PDB file of N, CA and C in Angstrom:
ATOM      1  N   THR A   1       8.819  -9.934   6.691  1.00  0.00           N
ATOM      2  CA  THR A   1       7.627  -9.602   6.051  1.00  0.00           C
ATOM      3  C   THR A   1       7.030 -10.965   5.544  1.00  0.00           C
ATOM      4  N   ALA A   2       6.088 -11.519   5.818  1.00  0.00           N
ATOM      5  CA  ALA A   2       5.648 -12.559   4.876  1.00  0.00           C
ATOM      6  C   ALA A   2       5.752 -12.505   3.184  1.00  0.00           C
ATOM      7  N   LEU A   3       5.639 -13.678   3.012  1.00  0.00           N
ATOM      8  CA  LEU A   3       5.217 -13.327   1.041  1.00  0.00           C
ATOM      9  C   LEU A   3       3.563 -13.128   0.619  1.00  0.00           C
ATOM     10  N   GLN A   4       2.427 -13.197   1.315  1.00  0.00           N
ATOM     11  CA  GLN A   4       1.692 -12.306   0.912  1.00  0.00           C
ATOM     12  C   GLN A   4       0.903 -11.864   2.383  1.00  0.00           C
ATOM     13  N   GLY A   5       0.296 -11.472   2.132  1.00  0.00           N
ATOM     14  CA  GLY A   5      -0.642 -10.549   3.665  1.00  0.00           C
ATOM     15  C   GLY A   5      -1.986 -10.027   3.543  1.00  0.00           C
ATOM     16  N   THR A   6      -2.529  -9.252   4.586  1.00  0.00           N
ATOM     17  CA  THR A   6      -3.256  -8.698   4.515  1.00  0.00           C
ATOM     18  C   THR A   6      -2.596  -6.379   4.871  1.00  0.00           C
ATOM     19  N   ILE A   7      -3.109  -5.743   4.438  1.00  0.00           N
ATOM     20  CA  ILE A   7      -3.289  -4.725   5.273  1.00  0.00           C
ATOM     21  C   ILE A   7      -4.818  -3.774   5.822  1.00  0.00           C
ATOM     22  N   ARG A   8      -4.780  -3.859   6.513  1.00  0.00           N
ATOM     23  CA  ARG A   8      -6.269  -2.821   6.659  1.00  0.00           C
ATOM     24  C   ARG A   8      -5.959  -1.622   7.602  1.00  0.00           C
ATOM     25  N   SER A   9      -6.597   0.007   7.110  1.00  0.00           N
ATOM     26  CA  SER A   9      -6.552   1.328   8.234  1.00  0.00           C
ATOM     27  C   SER A   9      -6.854   0.164   9.108  1.00  0.00           C
ATOM     28  N   PRO A  10      -6.428   0.999  10.397  1.00  0.00           N
ATOM     29  CA  PRO A  10      -6.463   0.785  11.541  1.00  0.00           C
ATOM     30  C   PRO A  10      -8.680   1.609  11.874  1.00  0.00           C
ATOM     31  N   GLY A  11      -9.457   0.588  12.408  1.00  0.00           N
ATOM     32  CA  GLY A  11     -10.259   0.648  12.541  1.00  0.00           C
ATOM     33  C   GLY A  11     -11.399   0.678  11.381  1.00  0.00           C
ATOM     34  N   TYR A  12     -10.809  -0.665  10.515  1.00  0.00           N
ATOM     35  CA  TYR A  12     -11.245  -1.104   9.207  1.00  0.00           C
ATOM     36  C   TYR A  12     -12.270  -1.771   9.745  1.00  0.00           C
ATOM     37  N   ARG A  13     -12.201  -2.498  10.800  1.00  0.00           N
ATOM     38  CA  ARG A  13     -13.188  -3.768  11.062  1.00  0.00           C
ATOM     39  C   ARG A  13     -14.035  -3.729  11.807  1.00  0.00           C
ATOM     40  N   THR A  14     -13.640  -1.937  12.699  1.00  0.00           N
ATOM     41  CA  THR A  14     -15.097  -1.247  13.851  1.00  0.00           C
ATOM     42  C   THR A  14     -15.966  -0.331  12.430  1.00  0.00           C
ATOM     43  N   GLY A  15     -14.601  -0.393  11.151  1.00  0.00           N
ATOM     44  CA  GLY A  15     -16.472   0.822  10.708  1.00  0.00           C
ATOM     45  C   GLY A  15     -16.013   1.923  10.303  1.00  0.00           C
ATOM     46  N   ARG A  16     -14.709   2.435  11.195  1.00  0.00           N
ATOM     47  CA  ARG A  16     -14.199   4.158  10.736  1.00  0.00           C
ATOM     48  C   ARG A  16     -12.963   4.166  11.338  1.00  0.00           C
ATOM     49  N   TYR A  17     -12.173   4.393  10.639  1.00  0.00           N
ATOM     50  CA  TYR A  17     -10.816   5.134  11.365  1.00  0.00           C
ATOM     51  C   TYR A  17     -11.378   6.074  12.115  1.00  0.00           C
ATOM     52  N   ARG A  18      -9.662   6.739  12.896  1.00  0.00           N
ATOM     53  CA  ARG A  18      -9.781   8.017  13.859  1.00  0.00           C
ATOM     54  C   ARG A  18      -9.011   9.811  13.167  1.00  0.00           C
ATOM     55  N   ASN A  19     -10.017  10.293  13.308  1.00  0.00           N
ATOM     56  CA  ASN A  19      -9.030  11.549  13.022  1.00  0.00           C
ATOM     57  C   ASN A  19      -7.434  11.834  13.325  1.00  0.00           C
ATOM     58  N   GLY A  20      -6.928  12.264  12.643  1.00  0.00           N
ATOM     59  CA  GLY A  20      -5.962  12.587  12.953  1.00  0.00           C
ATOM     60  C   GLY A  20      -4.509  11.532  13.621  1.00  0.00           C
ATOM     61  N   GLU A  21      -5.008  10.942  12.128  1.00  0.00           N
ATOM     62  CA  GLU A  21      -3.532   9.654  12.554  1.00  0.00           C
ATOM     63  C   GLU A  21      -2.613   9.510  11.770  1.00  0.00           C
ATOM     64  N   LEU A  22      -1.604   8.787  11.998  1.00  0.00           N
ATOM     65  CA  LEU A  22       0.408   8.227  11.061  1.00  0.00           C
ATOM     66  C   LEU A  22      -0.140   7.593  11.182  1.00  0.00           C
ATOM     67  N   PHE A  23      -0.212   6.218  10.281  1.00  0.00           N
ATOM     68  CA  PHE A  23      -0.172   4.730  10.358  1.00  0.00           C
ATOM     69  C   PHE A  23       1.480   4.529   9.584  1.00  0.00           C
ATOM     70  N   ASP A  24       2.672   4.047   9.376  1.00  0.00           N
ATOM     71  CA  ASP A  24       3.522   3.280   8.304  1.00  0.00           C
ATOM     72  C   ASP A  24       3.736   2.363   8.263  1.00  0.00           C
ATOM     73  N   TRP A  25       3.929   1.046   7.244  1.00  0.00           N
ATOM     74  CA  TRP A  25       3.810  -0.230   6.790  1.00  0.00           C
ATOM     75  C   TRP A  25       5.017  -0.511   6.130  1.00  0.00           C
ATOM     76  N   PHE A  26       5.655  -0.733   6.219  1.00  0.00           N
ATOM     77  CA  PHE A  26       6.836  -1.869   5.401  1.00  0.00           C
ATOM     78  C   PHE A  26       6.524  -3.177   4.794  1.00  0.00           C
ATOM     79  N   ILE A  27       6.465  -3.478   3.283  1.00  0.00           N
ATOM     80  CA  ILE A  27       6.398  -4.292   2.779  1.00  0.00           C
ATOM     81  C   ILE A  27       7.578  -4.632   2.546  1.00  0.00           C
ATOM     82  N   SER A  28       8.571  -5.192   3.524  1.00  0.00           N
ATOM     83  CA  SER A  28       9.977  -5.874   2.257  1.00  0.00           C
ATOM     84  C   SER A  28      10.311  -7.562   2.734  1.00  0.00           C
ATOM     85  N   PRO A  29       9.810  -8.497   2.041  1.00  0.00           N
ATOM     86  CA  PRO A  29       9.707  -9.629   2.165  1.00  0.00           C
ATOM     87  C   PRO A  29      11.269 -10.418   1.779  1.00  0.00           C
ATOM     88  N   SER A  30      10.933 -11.267   2.850  1.00  0.00           N
ATOM     89  CA  SER A  30      13.056 -11.710   3.066  1.00  0.00           C
ATOM     90  C   SER A  30      13.203 -13.063   2.259  1.00  0.00           C
ATOM     91  N   HIS A  31      14.158 -13.671   2.013  1.00  0.00           N
ATOM     92  CA  HIS A  31      14.119 -15.062   1.553  1.00  0.00           C
ATOM     93  C   HIS A  31      13.820 -14.829  -0.241  1.00  0.00           C
ATOM     94  N   VAL A  32      13.497 -13.440  -0.662  1.00  0.00           N
ATOM     95  CA  VAL A  32      13.183 -13.512  -2.134  1.00  0.00           C
ATOM     96  C   VAL A  32      14.839 -13.565  -2.915  1.00  0.00           C
ATOM     97  N   TYR A  33      15.291 -14.443  -3.620  1.00  0.00           N
ATOM     98  CA  TYR A  33      16.655 -14.543  -4.079  1.00  0.00           C
ATOM     99  C   TYR A  33      16.276 -14.572  -5.564  1.00  0.00           C
ATOM    100  N   SER A  34      15.284 -14.505  -5.794  1.00  0.00           N
ATOM    101  CA  SER A  34      14.863 -13.508  -7.920  1.00  0.00           C
ATOM    102  C   SER A  34      14.670 -11.959  -7.416  1.00  0.00           C
ATOM    103  N   PRO A  35      14.697 -11.910  -8.919  1.00  0.00           N
ATOM    104  CA  PRO A  35      13.954 -10.482  -9.317  1.00  0.00           C
ATOM    105  C   PRO A  35      12.403 -10.924  -8.595  1.00  0.00           C
ATOM    106  N   ALA A  36      11.973  -9.835  -8.605  1.00  0.00           N
ATOM    107  CA  ALA A  36      10.004 -10.026  -7.614  1.00  0.00           C
ATOM    108  C   ALA A  36       9.496  -8.830  -7.318  1.00  0.00           C
ATOM    109  N   VAL A  37       8.350  -8.652  -7.104  1.00  0.00           N
ATOM    110  CA  VAL A  37       7.485  -7.618  -7.624  1.00  0.00           C
ATOM    111  C   VAL A  37       6.481  -7.706  -6.625  1.00  0.00           C
ATOM    112  N   VAL A  38       5.372  -6.678  -5.710  1.00  0.00           N
ATOM    113  CA  VAL A  38       4.867  -6.663  -4.788  1.00  0.00           C
ATOM    114  C   VAL A  38       3.052  -6.353  -5.469  1.00  0.00           C
ATOM    115  N   GLU A  39       2.288  -7.437  -5.750  1.00  0.00           N
ATOM    116  CA  GLU A  39       1.219  -6.945  -6.280  1.00  0.00           C
ATOM    117  C   GLU A  39       0.370  -6.672  -4.735  1.00  0.00           C
ATOM    118  N   MET A  40      -0.463  -5.669  -5.188  1.00  0.00           N
ATOM    119  CA  MET A  40      -0.974  -5.172  -4.150  1.00  0.00           C
ATOM    120  C   MET A  40      -2.518  -4.885  -4.683  1.00  0.00           C
ATOM    121  N   THR A  41      -3.453  -5.404  -3.747  1.00  0.00           N
ATOM    122  CA  THR A  41      -5.063  -5.392  -4.940  1.00  0.00           C
ATOM    123  C   THR A  41      -5.885  -4.558  -4.204  1.00  0.00           C
ATOM    124  N   PHE A  42      -6.447  -3.368  -4.157  1.00  0.00           N
ATOM    125  CA  PHE A  42      -6.911  -2.730  -3.074  1.00  0.00           C
ATOM    126  C   PHE A  42      -8.633  -3.203  -3.567  1.00  0.00           C
ATOM    127  N   ALA A  43      -8.587  -3.686  -1.988  1.00  0.00           N
ATOM    128  CA  ALA A  43      -9.696  -4.344  -2.201  1.00  0.00           C
ATOM    129  C   ALA A  43     -11.483  -3.614  -1.832  1.00  0.00           C
ATOM    130  N   VAL A  44     -10.781  -2.566  -1.124  1.00  0.00           N
ATOM    131  CA  VAL A  44     -11.851  -1.617  -0.018  1.00  0.00           C
ATOM    132  C   VAL A  44     -10.789  -0.210  -0.027  1.00  0.00           C
ATOM    133  N   MET A  45     -11.238   0.655  -0.820  1.00  0.00           N
ATOM    134  CA  MET A  45     -10.359   2.350  -0.628  1.00  0.00           C
ATOM    135  C   MET A  45     -11.730   2.825  -0.177  1.00  0.00           C
ATOM    136  N   ASP A  46     -11.944   4.027   1.159  1.00  0.00           N
ATOM    137  CA  ASP A  46     -12.999   5.009   1.255  1.00  0.00           C
ATOM    138  C   ASP A  46     -12.135   5.798   1.983  1.00  0.00           C
ATOM    139  N   LEU A  47     -11.541   6.887   1.481  1.00  0.00           N
ATOM    140  CA  LEU A  47     -10.997   8.172   2.355  1.00  0.00           C
ATOM    141  C   LEU A  47     -11.553   8.887   1.999  1.00  0.00           C
ATOM    142  N   GLU A  48     -11.637  10.048   2.997  1.00  0.00           N
ATOM    143  CA  GLU A  48     -11.836  11.264   2.492  1.00  0.00           C
ATOM    144  C   GLU A  48     -11.150  11.968   1.870  1.00  0.00           C
ATOM    145  N   THR A  49     -12.522  12.535   0.349  1.00  0.00           N
ATOM    146  CA  THR A  49     -11.607  12.781  -0.493  1.00  0.00           C
ATOM    147  C   THR A  49     -10.680  13.954  -0.562  1.00  0.00           C
ATOM    148  N   ASN A  50      -9.094  13.806  -1.153  1.00  0.00           N
ATOM    149  CA  ASN A  50      -8.294  14.900  -0.230  1.00  0.00           C
ATOM    150  C   ASN A  50      -7.831  15.276   0.559  1.00  0.00           C
ATOM    151  N   TYR A  51      -8.198  14.549   1.354  1.00  0.00           N
ATOM    152  CA  TYR A  51      -7.258  14.758   3.345  1.00  0.00           C
ATOM    153  C   TYR A  51      -7.289  14.199   4.101  1.00  0.00           C
ATOM    154  N   ASP A  52      -7.656  12.295   3.762  1.00  0.00           N
ATOM    155  CA  ASP A  52      -7.035  11.529   4.005  1.00  0.00           C
ATOM    156  C   ASP A  52      -6.516  10.584   2.847  1.00  0.00           C
ATOM    157  N   VAL A  53      -5.268  10.776   3.010  1.00  0.00           N
ATOM    158  CA  VAL A  53      -4.549  10.029   2.471  1.00  0.00           C
ATOM    159  C   VAL A  53      -3.846   8.714   2.433  1.00  0.00           C
ATOM    160  N   LEU A  54      -3.093   7.632   1.222  1.00  0.00           N
ATOM    161  CA  LEU A  54      -3.184   6.492   1.902  1.00  0.00           C
ATOM    162  C   LEU A  54      -1.877   6.442   0.741  1.00  0.00           C
ATOM    163  N   ARG A  55      -0.449   7.125   0.930  1.00  0.00           N
ATOM    164  CA  ARG A  55       0.883   7.319   0.089  1.00  0.00           C
ATOM    165  C   ARG A  55       1.939   5.662   0.178  1.00  0.00           C
ATOM    166  N   VAL A  56       1.963   5.641  -1.589  1.00  0.00           N
ATOM    167  CA  VAL A  56       2.963   4.633  -1.812  1.00  0.00           C
ATOM    168  C   VAL A  56       4.092   5.308  -2.086  1.00  0.00           C
ATOM    169  N   PHE A  57       5.814   4.161  -1.272  1.00  0.00           N
ATOM    170  CA  PHE A  57       7.075   4.485  -1.299  1.00  0.00           C
ATOM    171  C   PHE A  57       7.320   3.542  -1.981  1.00  0.00           C
ATOM    172  N   SER A  58       8.831   3.593  -2.448  1.00  0.00           N
ATOM    173  CA  SER A  58       9.522   2.500  -3.120  1.00  0.00           C
ATOM    174  C   SER A  58      10.554   2.730  -2.439  1.00  0.00           C
ATOM    175  N   ASP A  59      11.410   1.671  -1.963  1.00  0.00           N
ATOM    176  CA  ASP A  59      13.408   1.626  -1.498  1.00  0.00           C
ATOM    177  C   ASP A  59      12.693   2.377  -0.232  1.00  0.00           C
ATOM    178  N   PRO A  60      11.692   2.526   0.631  1.00  0.00           N
ATOM    179  CA  PRO A  60      12.044   2.944   1.723  1.00  0.00           C
ATOM    180  C   PRO A  60      13.275   2.462   2.685  1.00  0.00           C
ATOM    181  N   PRO A  61      14.234   2.750   3.704  1.00  0.00           N
ATOM    182  CA  PRO A  61      14.260   4.071   4.324  1.00  0.00           C
ATOM    183  C   PRO A  61      14.986   4.604   3.954  1.00  0.00           C
ATOM    184  N   THR A  62      16.056   3.865   2.954  1.00  0.00           N
ATOM    185  CA  THR A  62      16.873   4.693   2.196  1.00  0.00           C
ATOM    186  C   THR A  62      16.200   5.962   0.864  1.00  0.00           C
ATOM    187  N   ASN A  63      16.635   5.224  -0.465  1.00  0.00           N
ATOM    188  CA  ASN A  63      16.478   6.197  -1.542  1.00  0.00           C
ATOM    189  C   ASN A  63      14.266   6.288  -1.420  1.00  0.00           C
ATOM    190  N   VAL A  64      14.467   6.598  -0.609  1.00  0.00           N
ATOM    191  CA  VAL A  64      12.723   7.144  -0.303  1.00  0.00           C
ATOM    192  C   VAL A  64      12.157   7.810  -2.334  1.00  0.00           C
ATOM    193  N   LYS A  65      10.984   6.636  -3.051  1.00  0.00           N
ATOM    194  CA  LYS A  65      10.568   7.526  -4.293  1.00  0.00           C
ATOM    195  C   LYS A  65       9.132   7.328  -3.871  1.00  0.00           C
ATOM    196  N   HIS A  66       9.000   8.704  -3.844  1.00  0.00           N
ATOM    197  CA  HIS A  66       7.130   8.701  -4.077  1.00  0.00           C
ATOM    198  C   HIS A  66       6.069   7.681  -5.514  1.00  0.00           C
ATOM    199  N   ILE A  67       5.048   7.499  -4.843  1.00  0.00           N
ATOM    200  CA  ILE A  67       4.694   6.162  -6.021  1.00  0.00           C
ATOM    201  C   ILE A  67       3.450   6.795  -6.388  1.00  0.00           C
ATOM    202  N   MET A  68       2.543   6.972  -5.841  1.00  0.00           N
ATOM    203  CA  MET A  68       1.038   7.378  -5.657  1.00  0.00           C
ATOM    204  C   MET A  68       0.452   8.319  -4.363  1.00  0.00           C
ATOM    205  N   THR A  69      -0.255   8.632  -4.323  1.00  0.00           N
ATOM    206  CA  THR A  69      -0.852   9.493  -3.620  1.00  0.00           C
ATOM    207  C   THR A  69      -2.377   8.600  -4.003  1.00  0.00           C
ATOM    208  N   ILE A  70      -3.389   7.962  -2.651  1.00  0.00           N
ATOM    209  CA  ILE A  70      -4.498   7.238  -2.735  1.00  0.00           C
ATOM    210  C   ILE A  70      -5.440   8.140  -1.741  1.00  0.00           C
ATOM    211  N   THR A  71      -6.822   8.788  -2.501  1.00  0.00           N
ATOM    212  CA  THR A  71      -7.474   9.559  -1.651  1.00  0.00           C
ATOM    213  C   THR A  71      -9.255   9.164  -2.420  1.00  0.00           C
ATOM    214  N   GLY A  72      -9.563   9.203  -1.418  1.00  0.00           N
ATOM    215  CA  GLY A  72     -11.331   8.959  -2.514  1.00  0.00           C
ATOM    216  C   GLY A  72     -12.252   7.649  -1.976  1.00  0.00           C
ATOM    217  N   SER A  73     -12.323   7.700  -3.130  1.00  0.00           N
ATOM    218  CA  SER A  73     -13.692   5.628  -3.271  1.00  0.00           C
ATOM    219  C   SER A  73     -12.853   5.269  -4.694  1.00  0.00           C
ATOM    220  N   PRO A  74     -12.141   5.004  -5.029  1.00  0.00           N
ATOM    221  CA  PRO A  74     -11.413   4.284  -6.378  1.00  0.00           C
ATOM    222  C   PRO A  74     -12.648   2.869  -6.012  1.00  0.00           C
ATOM    223  N   ASP A  75     -12.274   2.575  -7.484  1.00  0.00           N
ATOM    224  CA  ASP A  75     -12.970   0.717  -7.586  1.00  0.00           C
ATOM    225  C   ASP A  75     -11.690   0.209  -7.190  1.00  0.00           C
ATOM    226  N   ILE A  76     -11.978  -1.223  -7.237  1.00  0.00           N
ATOM    227  CA  ILE A  76     -10.864  -2.229  -6.969  1.00  0.00           C
ATOM    228  C   ILE A  76      -9.696  -1.340  -7.701  1.00  0.00           C
ATOM    229  N   PHE A  77      -8.521  -1.773  -7.622  1.00  0.00           N
ATOM    230  CA  PHE A  77      -7.228  -1.623  -8.692  1.00  0.00           C
ATOM    231  C   PHE A  77      -6.318  -2.462  -7.948  1.00  0.00           C
ATOM    232  N   GLN A  78      -5.527  -2.605  -9.006  1.00  0.00           N
ATOM    233  CA  GLN A  78      -4.431  -3.227  -7.917  1.00  0.00           C
ATOM    234  C   GLN A  78      -3.072  -2.937  -9.204  1.00  0.00           C
ATOM    235  N   ILE A  79      -1.965  -2.739  -7.880  1.00  0.00           N
ATOM    236  CA  ILE A  79      -0.362  -1.703  -8.407  1.00  0.00           C
ATOM    237  C   ILE A  79       0.668  -3.437  -8.134  1.00  0.00           C
ATOM    238  N   SER A  80       1.836  -3.388  -8.813  1.00  0.00           N
ATOM    239  CA  SER A  80       2.881  -3.438  -8.502  1.00  0.00           C
ATOM    240  C   SER A  80       4.113  -3.122  -9.069  1.00  0.00           C
ATOM    241  N   ILE A  81       4.854  -3.361  -8.103  1.00  0.00           N
ATOM    242  CA  ILE A  81       6.435  -2.286  -7.247  1.00  0.00           C
ATOM    243  C   ILE A  81       7.076  -3.673  -7.086  1.00  0.00           C
ATOM    244  N   ARG A  82       8.213  -3.282  -7.463  1.00  0.00           N
ATOM    245  CA  ARG A  82       9.427  -3.786  -6.447  1.00  0.00           C
ATOM    246  C   ARG A  82       9.502  -3.258  -4.761  1.00  0.00           C
ATOM    247  N   PRO A  83       9.788  -4.343  -4.483  1.00  0.00           N
ATOM    248  CA  PRO A  83       9.954  -4.035  -2.868  1.00  0.00           C
ATOM    249  C   PRO A  83      11.462  -3.533  -2.483  1.00  0.00           C
ATOM    250  N   PRO A  84      11.566  -2.994  -1.624  1.00  0.00           N
ATOM    251  CA  PRO A  84      10.884  -3.133  -0.445  1.00  0.00           C
ATOM    252  C   PRO A  84       9.929  -1.924  -0.998  1.00  0.00           C
ATOM    253  N   ILE A  85       8.964  -1.620  -0.500  1.00  0.00           N
ATOM    254  CA  ILE A  85       7.776  -0.463  -0.434  1.00  0.00           C
ATOM    255  C   ILE A  85       7.226   0.090   0.729  1.00  0.00           C
ATOM    256  N   GLY A  86       7.179   0.848   1.119  1.00  0.00           N
ATOM    257  CA  GLY A  86       6.121   1.627   2.160  1.00  0.00           C
ATOM    258  C   GLY A  86       5.129   2.180   2.380  1.00  0.00           C
ATOM    259  N   LEU A  87       4.590   2.120   2.836  1.00  0.00           N
ATOM    260  CA  LEU A  87       2.937   2.972   3.233  1.00  0.00           C
ATOM    261  C   LEU A  87       2.725   3.674   3.673  1.00  0.00           C
ATOM    262  N   GLN A  88       2.376   5.075   4.196  1.00  0.00           N
ATOM    263  CA  GLN A  88       2.026   5.432   5.016  1.00  0.00           C
ATOM    264  C   GLN A  88       0.423   6.118   4.678  1.00  0.00           C
ATOM    265  N   PHE A  89      -0.552   6.329   6.035  1.00  0.00           N
ATOM    266  CA  PHE A  89      -1.796   6.210   5.940  1.00  0.00           C
ATOM    267  C   PHE A  89      -1.602   7.321   6.378  1.00  0.00           C
ATOM    268  N   ALA A  90      -2.748   8.228   6.459  1.00  0.00           N
ATOM    269  CA  ALA A  90      -2.905  10.158   7.135  1.00  0.00           C
ATOM    270  C   ALA A  90      -4.484  10.482   7.098  1.00  0.00           C
ATOM    271  N   THR A  91      -4.946  10.763   8.130  1.00  0.00           N
ATOM    272  CA  THR A  91      -5.578  11.450   8.245  1.00  0.00           C
ATOM    273  C   THR A  91      -5.541  12.909   9.158  1.00  0.00           C
ATOM    274  N   ASP A  92      -6.773  13.597   8.279  1.00  0.00           N
ATOM    275  CA  ASP A  92      -7.240  15.457   9.745  1.00  0.00           C
ATOM    276  C   ASP A  92      -7.427  14.861  10.492  1.00  0.00           C
ATOM    277  N   SER A  93      -8.371  16.031  10.429  1.00  0.00           N
ATOM    278  CA  SER A  93      -8.923  16.235  12.097  1.00  0.00           C
ATOM    279  C   SER A  93     -10.230  16.514  11.705  1.00  0.00           C
ATOM    280  N   THR A  94     -10.670  16.056  10.499  1.00  0.00           N
ATOM    281  CA  THR A  94     -12.429  16.449  10.346  1.00  0.00           C
ATOM    282  C   THR A  94     -12.867  15.356  10.193  1.00  0.00           C
ATOM    283  N   GLN A  95     -13.310  14.460   8.780  1.00  0.00           N
ATOM    284  CA  GLN A  95     -13.707  13.387   8.621  1.00  0.00           C
ATOM    285  C   GLN A  95     -13.518  12.316   7.837  1.00  0.00           C
ATOM    286  N   ALA A  96     -14.398  11.310   9.510  1.00  0.00           N
ATOM    287  CA  ALA A  96     -13.544   9.841   8.633  1.00  0.00           C
ATOM    288  C   ALA A  96     -14.381   8.886   8.026  1.00  0.00           C
ATOM    289  N   LYS A  97     -13.958   7.859   7.626  1.00  0.00           N
ATOM    290  CA  LYS A  97     -14.574   6.792   6.679  1.00  0.00           C
ATOM    291  C   LYS A  97     -14.494   5.629   7.459  1.00  0.00           C
ATOM    292  N   ARG A  98     -14.161   4.796   6.490  1.00  0.00           N
ATOM    293  CA  ARG A  98     -14.201   3.564   6.632  1.00  0.00           C
ATOM    294  C   ARG A  98     -13.291   2.671   6.231  1.00  0.00           C
ATOM    295  N   GLY A  99     -12.049   3.791   5.494  1.00  0.00           N
ATOM    296  CA  GLY A  99     -10.524   3.272   5.374  1.00  0.00           C
ATOM    297  C   GLY A  99     -10.630   2.153   3.999  1.00  0.00           C
ATOM    298  N   PHE A 100      -9.429   1.624   3.976  1.00  0.00           N
ATOM    299  CA  PHE A 100      -9.026   0.608   3.431  1.00  0.00           C
ATOM    300  C   PHE A 100      -8.616  -1.118   3.470  1.00  0.00           C
ATOM    301  N   HIS A 101      -8.821  -1.724   3.089  1.00  0.00           N
ATOM    302  CA  HIS A 101      -8.186  -2.971   2.672  1.00  0.00           C
ATOM    303  C   HIS A 101      -7.430  -3.123   1.494  1.00  0.00           C
ATOM    304  N   MET A 102      -6.363  -3.769   2.031  1.00  0.00           N
ATOM    305  CA  MET A 102      -4.880  -4.289   0.497  1.00  0.00           C
ATOM    306  C   MET A 102      -4.605  -5.868   1.089  1.00  0.00           C
ATOM    307  N   ASN A 103      -4.690  -6.616   0.035  1.00  0.00           N
ATOM    308  CA  ASN A 103      -4.195  -7.957  -0.112  1.00  0.00           C
ATOM    309  C   ASN A 103      -3.056  -8.224  -0.744  1.00  0.00           C
ATOM    310  N   TYR A 104      -1.652  -8.084  -0.047  1.00  0.00           N
ATOM    311  CA  TYR A 104      -0.471  -8.086  -1.059  1.00  0.00           C
ATOM    312  C   TYR A 104       0.251  -9.651  -0.837  1.00  0.00           C
ATOM    313  N   ARG A 105       0.577  -9.888  -2.441  1.00  0.00           N
ATOM    314  CA  ARG A 105       1.715 -11.346  -2.351  1.00  0.00           C
ATOM    315  C   ARG A 105       2.799 -10.838  -2.890  1.00  0.00           C
ATOM    316  N   VAL A 106       3.940 -11.577  -2.044  1.00  0.00           N
ATOM    317  CA  VAL A 106       5.463 -11.665  -3.756  1.00  0.00           C
ATOM    318  C   VAL A 106       5.225 -12.592  -5.181  1.00  0.00           C
ATOM    319  N   VAL A 107       5.172 -11.976  -5.837  1.00  0.00           N
ATOM    320  CA  VAL A 107       5.447 -12.771  -7.526  1.00  0.00           C
ATOM    321  C   VAL A 107       7.065 -12.364  -8.108  1.00  0.00           C
ATOM    322  N   THR A 108       7.478 -13.398  -7.956  1.00  0.00           N
ATOM    323  CA  THR A 108       8.941 -13.791  -8.169  1.00  0.00           C
ATOM    324  C   THR A 108       9.207 -13.532 -10.018  1.00  0.00           C
ATOM    325  N   ILE A 109       9.980 -13.018 -10.358  1.00  0.00           N
ATOM    326  CA  ILE A 109       9.356 -12.866 -12.188  1.00  0.00           C
ATOM    327  C   ILE A 109      10.877 -14.024 -12.154  1.00  0.00           C
ATOM    328  N   SER A 110      10.329 -14.970 -13.811  1.00  0.00           N
ATOM    329  CA  SER A 110      10.715 -15.814 -14.163  1.00  0.00           C
ATOM    330  C   SER A 110      11.331 -15.080 -15.039  1.00  0.00           C
ATOM    331  N   GLY A 111      12.882 -15.828 -15.480  1.00  0.00           N
ATOM    332  CA  GLY A 111      13.868 -15.186 -16.026  1.00  0.00           C
ATOM    333  C   GLY A 111      14.484 -14.462 -16.170  1.00  0.00           C
ATOM    334  N   GLY A 112      14.414 -13.723 -15.457  1.00  0.00           N
ATOM    335  CA  GLY A 112      15.337 -12.340 -14.970  1.00  0.00           C
ATOM    336  C   GLY A 112      15.106 -11.657 -15.645  1.00  0.00           C
ATOM    337  N   ASN A 113      13.655 -10.738 -15.873  1.00  0.00           N
ATOM    338  CA  ASN A 113      13.293  -9.852 -16.911  1.00  0.00           C
ATOM    339  C   ASN A 113      12.363  -9.244 -15.752  1.00  0.00           C
ATOM    340  N   CYS A 114      13.346  -8.220 -15.195  1.00  0.00           N
ATOM    341  CA  CYS A 114      12.633  -7.057 -14.435  1.00  0.00           C
ATOM    342  C   CYS A 114      12.149  -6.001 -14.923  1.00  0.00           C
ATOM    343  N   VAL A 115      10.618  -5.994 -14.821  1.00  0.00           N
ATOM    344  CA  VAL A 115       9.870  -4.978 -14.507  1.00  0.00           C
ATOM    345  C   VAL A 115      10.258  -4.051 -13.871  1.00  0.00           C
ATOM    346  N   PRO A 116       9.641  -2.478 -14.599  1.00  0.00           N
ATOM    347  CA  PRO A 116       9.736  -1.400 -13.794  1.00  0.00           C
ATOM    348  C   PRO A 116       8.945  -1.328 -12.668  1.00  0.00           C
ATOM    349  N   ASP A 117       8.978  -0.725 -12.048  1.00  0.00           N
ATOM    350  CA  ASP A 117       7.823   0.096 -11.150  1.00  0.00           C
ATOM    351  C   ASP A 117       6.190   0.452 -11.654  1.00  0.00           C
ATOM    352  N   SER A 118       5.093  -0.382 -12.121  1.00  0.00           N
ATOM    353  CA  SER A 118       4.622  -0.391 -12.916  1.00  0.00           C
ATOM    354  C   SER A 118       3.089  -0.256 -11.908  1.00  0.00           C
ATOM    355  N   PHE A 119       2.313  -0.100 -12.790  1.00  0.00           N
ATOM    356  CA  PHE A 119       0.605   0.163 -12.695  1.00  0.00           C
ATOM    357  C   PHE A 119      -0.237  -0.526 -13.869  1.00  0.00           C
ATOM    358  N   MET A 120      -1.046  -1.177 -12.301  1.00  0.00           N
ATOM    359  CA  MET A 120      -1.646  -2.567 -13.450  1.00  0.00           C
ATOM    360  C   MET A 120      -3.052  -2.496 -13.255  1.00  0.00           C
TER     361      MET A 120
END
């Protein structure tokens, strides 16, 4: 995984994701030798509330811990989590919306002070 990048829901550029889909992404940066977090900034989030979701997990694939489930259309927000990170986008079979656009970057923590998984 690159030290920074963008993840968009399928169909984001054309205006709508499709119904009945399930997609997984993993952010597991290589060549990071210091304690680090992945800062994820969600610039756009437009999902069918309570039915289409983006789930965020830490430590995939071995010790998977569910961190949060995002749905609906919250304002721009940022979360920071220690890598590796898993994302799962799941849609139901009814309404489709625009989707999500997320930018991420790996930030090393100086001085060896590692923060717990946190929300910003």
